[in-house]
PDB file of N, CA and C in Angstrom:
ATOM      1  N   MET A   1      13.795  -5.665  13.267  1.00  0.00           N
ATOM      2  CA  MET A   1      12.553  -5.226  12.657  1.00  0.00           C
ATOM      3  C   MET A   1      11.661  -4.669  13.762  1.00  0.00           C
ATOM      4  N   SER A   2      11.045  -3.515  13.518  1.00  0.00           N
ATOM      5  CA  SER A   2      10.214  -2.878  14.530  1.00  0.00           C
ATOM      6  C   SER A   2       8.888  -3.626  14.689  1.00  0.00           C
ATOM      7  N   ASN A   3       8.224  -3.321  15.799  1.00  0.00           N
ATOM      8  CA  ASN A   3       6.927  -3.953  16.056  1.00  0.00           C
ATOM      9  C   ASN A   3       5.909  -3.582  14.986  1.00  0.00           C
ATOM     10  N   LEU A   4       5.969  -2.325  14.508  1.00  0.00           N
ATOM     11  CA  LEU A   4       5.030  -1.902  13.473  1.00  0.00           C
ATOM     12  C   LEU A   4       5.268  -2.672  12.185  1.00  0.00           C
ATOM     13  N   SER A   5       6.526  -2.893  11.844  1.00  0.00           N
ATOM     14  CA  SER A   5       6.829  -3.663  10.638  1.00  0.00           C
ATOM     15  C   SER A   5       6.314  -5.088  10.764  1.00  0.00           C
ATOM     16  N   LEU A   6       6.493  -5.673  11.932  1.00  0.00           N
ATOM     17  CA  LEU A   6       5.969  -7.020  12.155  1.00  0.00           C
ATOM     18  C   LEU A   6       4.452  -7.022  12.054  1.00  0.00           C
ATOM     19  N   TYR A   7       3.824  -5.975  12.589  1.00  0.00           N
ATOM     20  CA  TYR A   7       2.372  -5.872  12.530  1.00  0.00           C
ATOM     21  C   TYR A   7       1.893  -5.777  11.087  1.00  0.00           C
ATOM     22  N   THR A   8       2.544  -4.916  10.286  1.00  0.00           N
ATOM     23  CA  THR A   8       2.084  -4.748   8.911  1.00  0.00           C
ATOM     24  C   THR A   8       2.324  -5.999   8.087  1.00  0.00           C
ATOM     25  N   LEU A   9       3.425  -6.692   8.324  1.00  0.00           N
ATOM     26  CA  LEU A   9       3.656  -7.945   7.607  1.00  0.00           C
ATOM     27  C   LEU A   9       2.606  -8.977   7.984  1.00  0.00           C
ATOM     28  N   ALA A  10       2.261  -9.033   9.270  1.00  0.00           N
ATOM     29  CA  ALA A  10       1.233  -9.971   9.716  1.00  0.00           C
ATOM     30  C   ALA A  10      -0.118  -9.589   9.124  1.00  0.00           C
ATOM     31  N   PHE A  11      -0.426  -8.294   9.102  1.00  0.00           N
ATOM     32  CA  PHE A  11      -1.696  -7.828   8.554  1.00  0.00           C
ATOM     33  C   PHE A  11      -1.781  -8.124   7.064  1.00  0.00           C
ATOM     34  N   ALA A  12      -0.688  -7.896   6.350  1.00  0.00           N
ATOM     35  CA  ALA A  12      -0.678  -8.150   4.909  1.00  0.00           C
ATOM     36  C   ALA A  12      -0.865  -9.625   4.613  1.00  0.00           C
ATOM     37  N   SER A  13      -0.362 -10.471   5.485  1.00  0.00           N
ATOM     38  CA  SER A  13      -0.479 -11.899   5.237  1.00  0.00           C
ATOM     39  C   SER A  13      -1.828 -12.458   5.672  1.00  0.00           C
ATOM     40  N   GLN A  14      -2.679 -11.623   6.284  1.00  0.00           N
ATOM     41  CA  GLN A  14      -3.985 -12.087   6.740  1.00  0.00           C
ATOM     42  C   GLN A  14      -5.071 -11.861   5.694  1.00  0.00           C
ATOM     43  N   GLY A  15      -4.704 -11.810   4.439  1.00  0.00           N
ATOM     44  CA  GLY A  15      -5.713 -11.712   3.404  1.00  0.00           C
ATOM     45  C   GLY A  15      -5.834 -10.352   2.755  1.00  0.00           C
ATOM     46  N   GLN A  16      -5.172  -9.336   3.276  1.00  0.00           N
ATOM     47  CA  GLN A  16      -5.201  -8.024   2.640  1.00  0.00           C
ATOM     48  C   GLN A  16      -4.438  -8.120   1.330  1.00  0.00           C
ATOM     49  N   THR A  17      -5.069  -7.744   0.249  1.00  0.00           N
ATOM     50  CA  THR A  17      -4.414  -7.816  -1.051  1.00  0.00           C
ATOM     51  C   THR A  17      -4.088  -6.408  -1.538  1.00  0.00           C
ATOM     52  N   VAL A  18      -3.233  -6.344  -2.536  1.00  0.00           N
ATOM     53  CA  VAL A  18      -2.899  -5.057  -3.139  1.00  0.00           C
ATOM     54  C   VAL A  18      -4.162  -4.426  -3.722  1.00  0.00           C
ATOM     55  N   ALA A  19      -5.003  -5.223  -4.351  1.00  0.00           N
ATOM     56  CA  ALA A  19      -6.240  -4.702  -4.947  1.00  0.00           C
ATOM     57  C   ALA A  19      -7.143  -4.072  -3.888  1.00  0.00           C
ATOM     58  N   GLU A  20      -7.257  -4.708  -2.723  1.00  0.00           N
ATOM     59  CA  GLU A  20      -8.075  -4.146  -1.644  1.00  0.00           C
ATOM     60  C   GLU A  20      -7.480  -2.839  -1.134  1.00  0.00           C
ATOM     61  N   LEU A  21      -6.165  -2.800  -1.025  1.00  0.00           N
ATOM     62  CA  LEU A  21      -5.500  -1.581  -0.578  1.00  0.00           C
ATOM     63  C   LEU A  21      -5.709  -0.457  -1.592  1.00  0.00           C
ATOM     64  N   VAL A  22      -5.576  -0.761  -2.874  1.00  0.00           N
ATOM     65  CA  VAL A  22      -5.794   0.238  -3.923  1.00  0.00           C
ATOM     66  C   VAL A  22      -7.227   0.762  -3.847  1.00  0.00           C
ATOM     67  N   PHE A  23      -8.184  -0.121  -3.637  1.00  0.00           N
ATOM     68  CA  PHE A  23      -9.581   0.297  -3.519  1.00  0.00           C
ATOM     69  C   PHE A  23      -9.767   1.252  -2.345  1.00  0.00           C
ATOM     70  N   GLN A  24      -9.203   0.903  -1.182  1.00  0.00           N
ATOM     71  CA  GLN A  24      -9.328   1.761   0.003  1.00  0.00           C
ATOM     72  C   GLN A  24      -8.731   3.139  -0.250  1.00  0.00           C
ATOM     73  N   VAL A  25      -7.555   3.162  -0.850  1.00  0.00           N
ATOM     74  CA  VAL A  25      -6.868   4.428  -1.105  1.00  0.00           C
ATOM     75  C   VAL A  25      -7.652   5.272  -2.110  1.00  0.00           C
ATOM     76  N   CYS A  26      -8.127   4.670  -3.171  1.00  0.00           N
ATOM     77  CA  CYS A  26      -8.883   5.416  -4.183  1.00  0.00           C
ATOM     78  C   CYS A  26     -10.212   5.917  -3.633  1.00  0.00           C
ATOM     79  N   ARG A  27     -10.812   5.147  -2.761  1.00  0.00           N
ATOM     80  CA  ARG A  27     -12.094   5.544  -2.166  1.00  0.00           C
ATOM     81  C   ARG A  27     -11.934   6.779  -1.289  1.00  0.00           C
ATOM     82  N   THR A  28     -10.841   6.840  -0.512  1.00  0.00           N
ATOM     83  CA  THR A  28     -10.636   7.964   0.400  1.00  0.00           C
ATOM     84  C   THR A  28      -9.860   9.110  -0.237  1.00  0.00           C
ATOM     85  N   GLY A  29      -9.077   8.810  -1.267  1.00  0.00           N
ATOM     86  CA  GLY A  29      -8.267   9.842  -1.900  1.00  0.00           C
ATOM     87  C   GLY A  29      -7.008  10.184  -1.129  1.00  0.00           C
ATOM     88  N   THR A  30      -6.705   9.374  -0.113  1.00  0.00           N
ATOM     89  CA  THR A  30      -5.519   9.631   0.704  1.00  0.00           C
ATOM     90  C   THR A  30      -4.747   8.340   0.959  1.00  0.00           C
ATOM     91  N   ILE A  31      -3.457   8.509   1.187  1.00  0.00           N
ATOM     92  CA  ILE A  31      -2.601   7.402   1.609  1.00  0.00           C
ATOM     93  C   ILE A  31      -2.059   7.784   2.975  1.00  0.00           C
ATOM     94  N   ASP A  32      -2.479   7.060   4.001  1.00  0.00           N
ATOM     95  CA  ASP A  32      -2.005   7.376   5.347  1.00  0.00           C
ATOM     96  C   ASP A  32      -0.793   6.514   5.700  1.00  0.00           C
ATOM     97  N   TYR A  33      -0.324   6.685   6.917  1.00  0.00           N
ATOM     98  CA  TYR A  33       0.891   5.998   7.358  1.00  0.00           C
ATOM     99  C   TYR A  33       0.746   4.481   7.260  1.00  0.00           C
ATOM    100  N   HIS A  34      -0.390   3.958   7.666  1.00  0.00           N
ATOM    101  CA  HIS A  34      -0.598   2.506   7.644  1.00  0.00           C
ATOM    102  C   HIS A  34      -0.662   1.973   6.208  1.00  0.00           C
ATOM    103  N   HIS A  35      -1.262   2.744   5.314  1.00  0.00           N
ATOM    104  CA  HIS A  35      -1.257   2.349   3.898  1.00  0.00           C
ATOM    105  C   HIS A  35       0.170   2.284   3.371  1.00  0.00           C
ATOM    106  N   ARG A  36       0.985   3.279   3.734  1.00  0.00           N
ATOM    107  CA  ARG A  36       2.380   3.285   3.271  1.00  0.00           C
ATOM    108  C   ARG A  36       3.146   2.090   3.809  1.00  0.00           C
ATOM    109  N   GLN A  37       2.887   1.724   5.063  1.00  0.00           N
ATOM    110  CA  GLN A  37       3.560   0.561   5.636  1.00  0.00           C
ATOM    111  C   GLN A  37       3.129  -0.719   4.918  1.00  0.00           C
ATOM    112  N   LEU A  38       1.855  -0.821   4.581  1.00  0.00           N
ATOM    113  CA  LEU A  38       1.379  -1.991   3.837  1.00  0.00           C
ATOM    114  C   LEU A  38       1.990  -2.038   2.441  1.00  0.00           C
ATOM    115  N   LEU A  39       2.057  -0.886   1.783  1.00  0.00           N
ATOM    116  CA  LEU A  39       2.689  -0.843   0.462  1.00  0.00           C
ATOM    117  C   LEU A  39       4.136  -1.303   0.554  1.00  0.00           C
ATOM    118  N   ARG A  40       4.822  -0.833   1.578  1.00  0.00           N
ATOM    119  CA  ARG A  40       6.218  -1.238   1.774  1.00  0.00           C
ATOM    120  C   ARG A  40       6.325  -2.741   1.982  1.00  0.00           C
ATOM    121  N   SER A  41       5.449  -3.292   2.807  1.00  0.00           N
ATOM    122  CA  SER A  41       5.512  -4.731   3.068  1.00  0.00           C
ATOM    123  C   SER A  41       5.177  -5.533   1.808  1.00  0.00           C
ATOM    124  N   PHE A  42       4.233  -5.035   1.007  1.00  0.00           N
ATOM    125  CA  PHE A  42       3.931  -5.716  -0.256  1.00  0.00           C
ATOM    126  C   PHE A  42       5.136  -5.702  -1.185  1.00  0.00           C
ATOM    127  N   LEU A  43       5.806  -4.553  -1.269  1.00  0.00           N
ATOM    128  CA  LEU A  43       6.963  -4.441  -2.166  1.00  0.00           C
ATOM    129  C   LEU A  43       8.123  -5.318  -1.722  1.00  0.00           C
ATOM    130  N   LEU A  44       8.201  -5.615  -0.430  1.00  0.00           N
ATOM    131  CA  LEU A  44       9.277  -6.464   0.075  1.00  0.00           C
ATOM    132  C   LEU A  44       8.996  -7.949  -0.122  1.00  0.00           C
ATOM    133  N   GLN A  45       7.778  -8.292  -0.497  1.00  0.00           N
ATOM    134  CA  GLN A  45       7.442  -9.690  -0.739  1.00  0.00           C
ATOM    135  C   GLN A  45       8.005 -10.127  -2.087  1.00  0.00           C
ATOM    136  N   GLU A  46       8.549 -11.312  -2.128  1.00  0.00           N
ATOM    137  CA  GLU A  46       9.152 -11.811  -3.361  1.00  0.00           C
ATOM    138  C   GLU A  46       8.114 -12.297  -4.369  1.00  0.00           C
ATOM    139  N   HIS A  47       6.941 -12.673  -3.912  1.00  0.00           N
ATOM    140  CA  HIS A  47       5.946 -13.262  -4.809  1.00  0.00           C
ATOM    141  C   HIS A  47       4.919 -12.252  -5.326  1.00  0.00           C
ATOM    142  N   LEU A  48       5.259 -10.983  -5.360  1.00  0.00           N
ATOM    143  CA  LEU A  48       4.358  -9.957  -5.863  1.00  0.00           C
ATOM    144  C   LEU A  48       4.229 -10.094  -7.384  1.00  0.00           C
ATOM    145  N   THR A  49       2.999 -10.103  -7.859  1.00  0.00           N
ATOM    146  CA  THR A  49       2.771 -10.283  -9.297  1.00  0.00           C
ATOM    147  C   THR A  49       3.024  -8.980 -10.053  1.00  0.00           C
ATOM    148  N   GLU A  50       3.151  -9.096 -11.353  1.00  0.00           N
ATOM    149  CA  GLU A  50       3.333  -7.899 -12.179  1.00  0.00           C
ATOM    150  C   GLU A  50       2.097  -7.008 -12.114  1.00  0.00           C
ATOM    151  N   GLU A  51       0.926  -7.619 -11.994  1.00  0.00           N
ATOM    152  CA  GLU A  51      -0.314  -6.849 -11.857  1.00  0.00           C
ATOM    153  C   GLU A  51      -0.287  -6.012 -10.580  1.00  0.00           C
ATOM    154  N   ASP A  52       0.206  -6.602  -9.485  1.00  0.00           N
ATOM    155  CA  ASP A  52       0.316  -5.870  -8.227  1.00  0.00           C
ATOM    156  C   ASP A  52       1.333  -4.741  -8.338  1.00  0.00           C
ATOM    157  N   HIS A  53       2.466  -5.005  -8.983  1.00  0.00           N
ATOM    158  CA  HIS A  53       3.470  -3.958  -9.204  1.00  0.00           C
ATOM    159  C   HIS A  53       2.868  -2.797  -9.995  1.00  0.00           C
ATOM    160  N   THR A  54       2.101  -3.115 -11.016  1.00  0.00           N
ATOM    161  CA  THR A  54       1.472  -2.086 -11.843  1.00  0.00           C
ATOM    162  C   THR A  54       0.488  -1.262 -11.022  1.00  0.00           C
ATOM    163  N   ALA A  55      -0.296  -1.915 -10.176  1.00  0.00           N
ATOM    164  CA  ALA A  55      -1.262  -1.203  -9.332  1.00  0.00           C
ATOM    165  C   ALA A  55      -0.546  -0.254  -8.375  1.00  0.00           C
ATOM    166  N   ILE A  56       0.548  -0.706  -7.782  1.00  0.00           N
ATOM    167  CA  ILE A  56       1.315   0.145  -6.869  1.00  0.00           C
ATOM    168  C   ILE A  56       1.937   1.305  -7.635  1.00  0.00           C
ATOM    169  N   ASP A  57       2.461   1.049  -8.818  1.00  0.00           N
ATOM    170  CA  ASP A  57       3.016   2.122  -9.654  1.00  0.00           C
ATOM    171  C   ASP A  57       1.954   3.169  -9.978  1.00  0.00           C
ATOM    172  N   ARG A  58       0.742   2.731 -10.239  1.00  0.00           N
ATOM    173  CA  ARG A  58      -0.347   3.669 -10.535  1.00  0.00           C
ATOM    174  C   ARG A  58      -0.693   4.524  -9.323  1.00  0.00           C
ATOM    175  N   LEU A  59      -0.652   3.925  -8.131  1.00  0.00           N
ATOM    176  CA  LEU A  59      -0.883   4.715  -6.920  1.00  0.00           C
ATOM    177  C   LEU A  59       0.184   5.795  -6.773  1.00  0.00           C
ATOM    178  N   LEU A  60       1.438   5.422  -6.968  1.00  0.00           N
ATOM    179  CA  LEU A  60       2.528   6.390  -6.842  1.00  0.00           C
ATOM    180  C   LEU A  60       2.421   7.481  -7.908  1.00  0.00           C
ATOM    181  N   TYR A  61       2.008   7.119  -9.104  1.00  0.00           N
ATOM    182  CA  TYR A  61       1.803   8.100 -10.164  1.00  0.00           C
ATOM    183  C   TYR A  61       0.692   9.079  -9.769  1.00  0.00           C
ATOM    184  N   ALA A  62      -0.382   8.558  -9.191  1.00  0.00           N
ATOM    185  CA  ALA A  62      -1.492   9.409  -8.758  1.00  0.00           C
ATOM    186  C   ALA A  62      -1.047  10.382  -7.669  1.00  0.00           C
ATOM    187  N   VAL A  63      -0.154   9.951  -6.793  1.00  0.00           N
ATOM    188  CA  VAL A  63       0.382  10.853  -5.769  1.00  0.00           C
ATOM    189  C   VAL A  63       1.198  11.959  -6.441  1.00  0.00           C
ATOM    190  N   ARG A  64       2.060  11.585  -7.373  1.00  0.00           N
ATOM    191  CA  ARG A  64       2.889  12.586  -8.065  1.00  0.00           C
ATOM    192  C   ARG A  64       2.040  13.606  -8.819  1.00  0.00           C
ATOM    193  N   ARG A  65       0.941  13.168  -9.392  1.00  0.00           N
ATOM    194  CA  ARG A  65       0.062  14.064 -10.152  1.00  0.00           C
ATOM    195  C   ARG A  65      -0.846  14.896  -9.246  1.00  0.00           C
ATOM    196  N   GLY A  66      -0.896  14.569  -7.959  1.00  0.00           N
ATOM    197  CA  GLY A  66      -1.738  15.311  -7.031  1.00  0.00           C
ATOM    198  C   GLY A  66      -3.152  14.776  -6.922  1.00  0.00           C
ATOM    199  N   TRP A  67      -3.406  13.612  -7.511  1.00  0.00           N
ATOM    200  CA  TRP A  67      -4.736  13.012  -7.462  1.00  0.00           C
ATOM    201  C   TRP A  67      -4.994  12.321  -6.130  1.00  0.00           C
ATOM    202  N   LEU A  68      -3.934  11.906  -5.460  1.00  0.00           N
ATOM    203  CA  LEU A  68      -4.015  11.324  -4.119  1.00  0.00           C
ATOM    204  C   LEU A  68      -3.127  12.142  -3.201  1.00  0.00           C
ATOM    205  N   GLN A  69      -3.533  12.248  -1.950  1.00  0.00           N
ATOM    206  CA  GLN A  69      -2.744  12.997  -0.980  1.00  0.00           C
ATOM    207  C   GLN A  69      -2.130  12.057   0.038  1.00  0.00           C
ATOM    208  N   MET A  70      -0.918  12.386   0.457  1.00  0.00           N
ATOM    209  CA  MET A  70      -0.254  11.665   1.537  1.00  0.00           C
ATOM    210  C   MET A  70      -0.605  12.389   2.831  1.00  0.00           C
ATOM    211  N   VAL A  71      -1.100  11.652   3.812  1.00  0.00           N
ATOM    212  CA  VAL A  71      -1.449  12.244   5.105  1.00  0.00           C
ATOM    213  C   VAL A  71      -0.749  11.469   6.211  1.00  0.00           C
ATOM    214  N   ASP A  72      -0.497  12.150   7.321  1.00  0.00           N
ATOM    215  CA  ASP A  72       0.107  11.511   8.492  1.00  0.00           C
ATOM    216  C   ASP A  72      -0.969  11.301   9.538  1.00  0.00           C
ATOM    217  N   GLU A  73      -1.457  10.093   9.629  1.00  0.00           N
ATOM    218  CA  GLU A  73      -2.483   9.756  10.627  1.00  0.00           C
ATOM    219  C   GLU A  73      -2.063   8.548  11.393  1.00  0.00           C
TER     220      GLU A  73
END
């Protein structure tokens, strides 16, 4: 596992929730590299609720529709 993956898993476990991530992404209108890594780490967690899955699905739908942009930062 890379250092960045370890960092994002540690960051996600420090209280960052899917709801907070969704809020940040919707506020800026963009999903950057760190957001994508957090989304990945959330999806790899076994205890993700159906509500969290739905929120992540909505983010991905918004990207497909062009409502959110993917950026490399």
